[in-house]
C-alpha atoms as a PDB file:
ATOM      1  CA  MET A   1      34.148  20.103  -2.345  1.00  0.00           C
ATOM      2  CA  ALA A   2      34.297  22.467  -5.297  1.00  0.00           C
ATOM      3  CA  LYS A   3      35.239  26.067  -4.728  1.00  0.00           C
ATOM      4  CA  ILE A   4      32.863  28.729  -5.943  1.00  0.00           C
ATOM      5  CA  TYR A   5      34.348  32.089  -6.812  1.00  0.00           C
ATOM      6  CA  LEU A   6      32.268  35.189  -7.312  1.00  0.00           C
ATOM      7  CA  VAL A   7      33.608  38.448  -8.671  1.00  0.00           C
ATOM      8  CA  ASN A   8      32.038  41.520  -7.127  1.00  0.00           C
ATOM      9  CA  TYR A   9      31.575  44.896  -8.826  1.00  0.00           C
ATOM     10  CA  SER A  10      34.962  46.188  -7.674  1.00  0.00           C
ATOM     11  CA  GLY A  11      36.636  43.281  -9.471  1.00  0.00           C
ATOM     12  CA  LYS A  12      37.671  41.537  -6.249  1.00  0.00           C
ATOM     13  CA  THR A  13      37.423  37.736  -6.344  1.00  0.00           C
ATOM     14  CA  VAL A  14      35.873  36.150  -3.279  1.00  0.00           C
ATOM     15  CA  TYR A  15      35.913  32.432  -2.394  1.00  0.00           C
ATOM     16  CA  LEU A  16      32.679  31.064  -0.997  1.00  0.00           C
ATOM     17  CA  ASN A  17      32.221  27.771   0.820  1.00  0.00           C
ATOM     18  CA  THR A  18      28.982  26.388  -0.647  1.00  0.00           C
ATOM     19  CA  MET A  19      27.756  25.113   2.712  1.00  0.00           C
ATOM     20  CA  SER A  20      27.837  28.626   4.171  1.00  0.00           C
ATOM     21  CA  VAL A  21      26.382  30.457   1.179  1.00  0.00           C
ATOM     22  CA  ASN A  22      22.791  31.551   1.433  1.00  0.00           C
ATOM     23  CA  LYS A  23      20.616  29.963  -1.256  1.00  0.00           C
ATOM     24  CA  ILE A  24      19.805  33.439  -2.570  1.00  0.00           C
ATOM     25  CA  PHE A  25      23.279  33.775  -4.123  1.00  0.00           C
ATOM     26  CA  LEU A  26      23.276  30.484  -5.987  1.00  0.00           C
ATOM     27  CA  PRO A  27      20.929  29.558  -8.825  1.00  0.00           C
ATOM     28  CA  LYS A  28      18.383  26.913  -8.013  1.00  0.00           C
ATOM     29  CA  VAL A  29      19.142  23.733  -9.952  1.00  0.00           C
ATOM     30  CA  VAL A  30      16.572  21.065 -10.746  1.00  0.00           C
ATOM     31  CA  ILE A  31      18.111  17.597 -10.568  1.00  0.00           C
ATOM     32  CA  GLY A  32      15.940  15.505 -12.864  1.00  0.00           C
ATOM     33  CA  VAL A  33      16.107  11.733 -12.517  1.00  0.00           C
ATOM     34  CA  PRO A  34      14.137   9.536 -14.887  1.00  0.00           C
ATOM     35  CA  THR A  35      13.942   6.023 -13.502  1.00  0.00           C
ATOM     36  CA  ALA A  36      12.232   2.692 -13.911  1.00  0.00           C
ATOM     37  CA  ASP A  37      11.917  -0.560 -12.004  1.00  0.00           C
ATOM     38  CA  SER A  38      14.558  -2.005 -14.350  1.00  0.00           C
ATOM     39  CA  LYS A  39      17.160   0.182 -12.567  1.00  0.00           C
ATOM     40  CA  ALA A  40      16.500  -1.467  -9.186  1.00  0.00           C
ATOM     41  CA  TYR A  41      19.973  -3.053  -9.216  1.00  0.00           C
ATOM     42  CA  CYS A  42      21.599   0.312  -8.436  1.00  0.00           C
ATOM     43  CA  LYS A  43      18.701   2.264  -6.900  1.00  0.00           C
ATOM     44  CA  GLU A  44      19.924   2.428  -3.314  1.00  0.00           C
ATOM     45  CA  LYS A  45      23.517   3.349  -4.229  1.00  0.00           C
ATOM     46  CA  PHE A  46      22.354   6.007  -6.707  1.00  0.00           C
ATOM     47  CA  PHE A  47      19.906   7.745  -4.374  1.00  0.00           C
ATOM     48  CA  GLN A  48      22.241   7.538  -1.385  1.00  0.00           C
ATOM     49  CA  ASN A  49      24.878   9.297  -3.510  1.00  0.00           C
ATOM     50  CA  LEU A  50      22.335  11.887  -4.672  1.00  0.00           C
ATOM     51  CA  SER A  51      21.346  12.608  -1.049  1.00  0.00           C
ATOM     52  CA  ASN A  52      24.982  13.585  -0.395  1.00  0.00           C
ATOM     53  CA  PHE A  53      25.178  16.244  -3.123  1.00  0.00           C
ATOM     54  CA  SER A  54      26.728  19.315  -1.530  1.00  0.00           C
ATOM     55  CA  TYR A  55      25.013  22.042  -3.570  1.00  0.00           C
ATOM     56  CA  PRO A  56      22.567  23.812  -1.229  1.00  0.00           C
ATOM     57  CA  ASN A  57      19.966  25.243  -3.657  1.00  0.00           C
ATOM     58  CA  LYS A  58      18.527  22.236  -5.464  1.00  0.00           C
ATOM     59  CA  LYS A  59      15.217  20.570  -6.189  1.00  0.00           C
ATOM     60  CA  ILE A  60      15.272  16.821  -6.778  1.00  0.00           C
ATOM     61  CA  VAL A  61      12.619  15.553  -9.187  1.00  0.00           C
ATOM     62  CA  VAL A  62      12.389  11.789  -9.645  1.00  0.00           C
ATOM     63  CA  VAL A  63      10.036  10.527 -12.331  1.00  0.00           C
ATOM     64  CA  SER A  64       9.282   6.863 -12.948  1.00  0.00           C
ATOM     65  CA  ASN A  65       7.713   5.568 -16.110  1.00  0.00           C
ATOM     66  CA  ASP A  66       6.836   2.085 -14.810  1.00  0.00           C
ATOM     67  CA  CYS A  67       6.547   2.158 -11.013  1.00  0.00           C
ATOM     68  CA  GLN A  68       4.400  -0.711  -9.770  1.00  0.00           C
ATOM     69  CA  ASN A  69       4.010   0.588  -6.202  1.00  0.00           C
ATOM     70  CA  PRO A  70       4.287   4.403  -5.949  1.00  0.00           C
ATOM     71  CA  PHE A  71       3.587   4.495  -2.196  1.00  0.00           C
ATOM     72  CA  GLN A  72       6.435   2.061  -1.500  1.00  0.00           C
ATOM     73  CA  GLU A  73       8.779   4.057  -3.756  1.00  0.00           C
ATOM     74  CA  ALA A  74       7.788   7.333  -2.039  1.00  0.00           C
ATOM     75  CA  ALA A  75       8.533   5.736   1.357  1.00  0.00           C
ATOM     76  CA  PHE A  76      11.966   4.627   0.102  1.00  0.00           C
ATOM     77  CA  LEU A  77      12.791   8.141  -1.151  1.00  0.00           C
ATOM     78  CA  SER A  78      11.460   9.681   2.094  1.00  0.00           C
ATOM     79  CA  ASP A  79      13.944   7.565   4.061  1.00  0.00           C
ATOM     80  CA  ILE A  80      16.887   8.341   1.763  1.00  0.00           C
ATOM     81  CA  PHE A  81      16.312  12.122   1.681  1.00  0.00           C
ATOM     82  CA  GLU A  82      15.034  12.303   5.274  1.00  0.00           C
ATOM     83  CA  VAL A  83      11.831  14.102   4.289  1.00  0.00           C
ATOM     84  CA  HIS A  84       8.152  13.215   4.382  1.00  0.00           C
ATOM     85  CA  LEU A  85       6.736  12.824   0.882  1.00  0.00           C
ATOM     86  CA  LYS A  86       3.011  13.438   0.853  1.00  0.00           C
ATOM     87  CA  LYS A  87       0.715  12.524  -2.033  1.00  0.00           C
ATOM     88  CA  VAL A  88      -0.400  15.622  -3.892  1.00  0.00           C
ATOM     89  CA  PRO A  89      -4.120  15.707  -4.731  1.00  0.00           C
ATOM     90  CA  GLN A  90      -4.645  16.131  -8.453  1.00  0.00           C
ATOM     91  CA  SER A  91      -7.327  15.793 -11.059  1.00  0.00           C
ATOM     92  CA  SER A  92      -5.330  13.808 -13.621  1.00  0.00           C
ATOM     93  CA  LYS A  93      -5.149  10.035 -13.718  1.00  0.00           C
ATOM     94  CA  ARG A  94      -2.036  10.267 -15.917  1.00  0.00           C
ATOM     95  CA  SER A  95       0.339  10.603 -12.969  1.00  0.00           C
ATOM     96  CA  THR A  96       0.743  10.322  -9.215  1.00  0.00           C
ATOM     97  CA  THR A  97       2.898  12.901  -7.440  1.00  0.00           C
ATOM     98  CA  PHE A  98       4.434  12.993  -3.970  1.00  0.00           C
ATOM     99  CA  MET A  99       6.068  16.176  -2.628  1.00  0.00           C
ATOM    100  CA  SER A 100       8.109  17.117   0.417  1.00  0.00           C
ATOM    101  CA  GLU A 101       6.788  19.922   2.603  1.00  0.00           C
ATOM    102  CA  SER A 102       9.634  22.200   1.490  1.00  0.00           C
ATOM    103  CA  GLY A 103       9.062  21.333  -2.178  1.00  0.00           C
ATOM    104  CA  ASP A 104      12.733  20.356  -2.559  1.00  0.00           C
ATOM    105  CA  VAL A 105      11.994  16.676  -3.287  1.00  0.00           C
ATOM    106  CA  GLU A 106       9.340  15.429  -5.687  1.00  0.00           C
ATOM    107  CA  PHE A 107       8.506  11.932  -6.895  1.00  0.00           C
ATOM    108  CA  THR A 108       6.131  11.436  -9.808  1.00  0.00           C
ATOM    109  CA  THR A 109       4.971   8.297 -11.522  1.00  0.00           C
ATOM    110  CA  ILE A 110       3.789   8.644 -15.071  1.00  0.00           C
ATOM    111  CA  ASN A 111       1.135   6.044 -15.645  1.00  0.00           C
ATOM    112  CA  PRO A 112       1.977   4.223 -18.830  1.00  0.00           C
ATOM    113  CA  GLU A 113      -0.509   4.862 -21.613  1.00  0.00           C
ATOM    114  CA  THR A 114       1.429   2.493 -23.794  1.00  0.00           C
ATOM    115  CA  ASN A 115       3.683  -0.508 -23.470  1.00  0.00           C
ATOM    116  CA  GLN A 116       6.185   1.106 -25.849  1.00  0.00           C
ATOM    117  CA  LEU A 117       9.320   1.677 -23.767  1.00  0.00           C
ATOM    118  CA  ASN A 118      10.657   4.506 -25.929  1.00  0.00           C
ATOM    119  CA  GLU A 119       7.390   6.447 -25.552  1.00  0.00           C
ATOM    120  CA  ARG A 120       7.384   6.037 -21.763  1.00  0.00           C
ATOM    121  CA  ILE A 121      11.012   7.169 -21.561  1.00  0.00           C
ATOM    122  CA  ALA A 122      10.274  10.192 -23.761  1.00  0.00           C
ATOM    123  CA  ARG A 123       7.339  11.177 -21.514  1.00  0.00           C
ATOM    124  CA  SER A 124       9.618  11.013 -18.457  1.00  0.00           C
ATOM    125  CA  HIS A 125      12.266  13.182 -20.112  1.00  0.00           C
ATOM    126  CA  ASN A 126       9.642  15.674 -21.298  1.00  0.00           C
ATOM    127  CA  TYR A 127       8.195  15.881 -17.781  1.00  0.00           C
ATOM    128  CA  LEU A 128      11.639  16.772 -16.377  1.00  0.00           C
ATOM    129  CA  SER A 129      12.237  19.398 -19.061  1.00  0.00           C
ATOM    130  CA  GLN A 130       8.841  20.973 -18.377  1.00  0.00           C
ATOM    131  CA  LYS A 131       9.537  20.974 -14.628  1.00  0.00           C
ATOM    132  CA  SER A 132      12.825  22.819 -15.199  1.00  0.00           C
ATOM    133  CA  ILE A 133      11.094  25.398 -17.392  1.00  0.00           C
ATOM    134  CA  LEU A 134       8.307  25.935 -14.827  1.00  0.00           C
ATOM    135  CA  GLU A 135      10.891  26.346 -12.053  1.00  0.00           C
ATOM    136  CA  LYS A 136      12.898  28.734 -14.293  1.00  0.00           C
ATOM    137  CA  SER A 137      15.953  26.750 -13.239  1.00  0.00           C
ATOM    138  CA  PRO A 138      18.780  24.914 -14.950  1.00  0.00           C
ATOM    139  CA  LEU A 139      18.287  21.156 -15.279  1.00  0.00           C
ATOM    140  CA  LEU A 140      20.899  18.603 -14.273  1.00  0.00           C
ATOM    141  CA  HIS A 141      19.616  15.484 -15.976  1.00  0.00           C
ATOM    142  CA  LEU A 142      20.990  12.371 -14.251  1.00  0.00           C
ATOM    143  CA  GLU A 143      20.228   8.842 -15.350  1.00  0.00           C
ATOM    144  CA  SER A 144      19.545   6.676 -12.313  1.00  0.00           C
ATOM    145  CA  ASP A 145      22.427   4.319 -12.974  1.00  0.00           C
ATOM    146  CA  ILE A 146      25.133   7.020 -13.107  1.00  0.00           C
ATOM    147  CA  ILE A 147      26.980   7.789  -9.868  1.00  0.00           C
ATOM    148  CA  ALA A 148      28.039  11.417 -10.221  1.00  0.00           C
ATOM    149  CA  PRO A 149      30.518  13.276  -7.997  1.00  0.00           C
ATOM    150  CA  THR A 150      28.699  14.922  -5.091  1.00  0.00           C
ATOM    151  CA  ASN A 151      30.138  18.312  -6.077  1.00  0.00           C
ATOM    152  CA  CYS A 152      29.170  18.098  -9.761  1.00  0.00           C
ATOM    153  CA  ILE A 153      26.614  20.928  -9.534  1.00  0.00           C
ATOM    154  CA  GLU A 154      29.216  23.333  -8.140  1.00  0.00           C
ATOM    155  CA  GLU A 155      31.523  22.423 -11.027  1.00  0.00           C
ATOM    156  CA  LEU A 156      28.755  23.035 -13.555  1.00  0.00           C
ATOM    157  CA  VAL A 157      27.771  26.359 -11.975  1.00  0.00           C
ATOM    158  CA  ILE A 158      31.420  27.459 -12.052  1.00  0.00           C
ATOM    159  CA  ALA A 159      31.608  26.593 -15.768  1.00  0.00           C
ATOM    160  CA  SER A 160      28.745  29.046 -16.400  1.00  0.00           C
ATOM    161  CA  LYS A 161      27.859  27.639 -19.828  1.00  0.00           C
ATOM    162  CA  PRO A 162      24.357  27.556 -21.324  1.00  0.00           C
ATOM    163  CA  ILE A 163      24.548  23.838 -22.134  1.00  0.00           C
ATOM    164  CA  ILE A 164      26.948  21.220 -20.809  1.00  0.00           C
ATOM    165  CA  GLY A 165      26.868  17.586 -21.879  1.00  0.00           C
ATOM    166  CA  GLY A 166      28.653  14.592 -20.513  1.00  0.00           C
ATOM    167  CA  LEU A 167      29.689  11.274 -21.958  1.00  0.00           C
ATOM    168  CA  TYR A 168      29.962   8.129 -19.930  1.00  0.00           C
ATOM    169  CA  GLN A 169      31.582   4.844 -20.815  1.00  0.00           C
ATOM    170  CA  ILE A 170      29.465   1.715 -20.777  1.00  0.00           C
ATOM    171  CA  ASN A 171      31.400  -1.418 -19.935  1.00  0.00           C
ATOM    172  CA  PHE A 172      29.564  -4.621 -20.706  1.00  0.00           C
ATOM    173  CA  ALA A 173      30.525  -7.957 -19.145  1.00  0.00           C
ATOM    174  CA  ASP A 174      31.516  -9.298 -22.573  1.00  0.00           C
ATOM    175  CA  GLY A 175      34.129  -6.539 -23.014  1.00  0.00           C
ATOM    176  CA  ARG A 176      32.256  -4.407 -25.543  1.00  0.00           C
END
């Protein structure tokens, strides 16, 4: 687990265990996950890992750009995160949204208006960016086939930078 240090007004450094810190002291972080049915090969491992993230003040927003069965996907996420995701009534036919009672877990499907993959992906990414802006919270954008350390948010909060990017290595079976 990462250590979070806060410096108070007297200049004294205090160590805080993130599990005992009240959410008021830590910025809320939106974890945005764009996904698609094509990522089914790693879905369970990814979301199980995400459910173990140690940072206490987070909102998980999963957005799919090609979900064939949103109710089945919402049930899967409900089991993983141990919450009840309820369909949110809305007037738009462009998306279907499910939300936990606490509001800490959200699953949205963006109904494809086009078969162009790049346009559907862009709509998913834009949705996550807009969600972060509406929440007035930093966005941790995680692709759904990247298994991140469960303390990565603490490490990013400690870094206290306006923008942090990460690079990941892709290893193909043919050695490229």
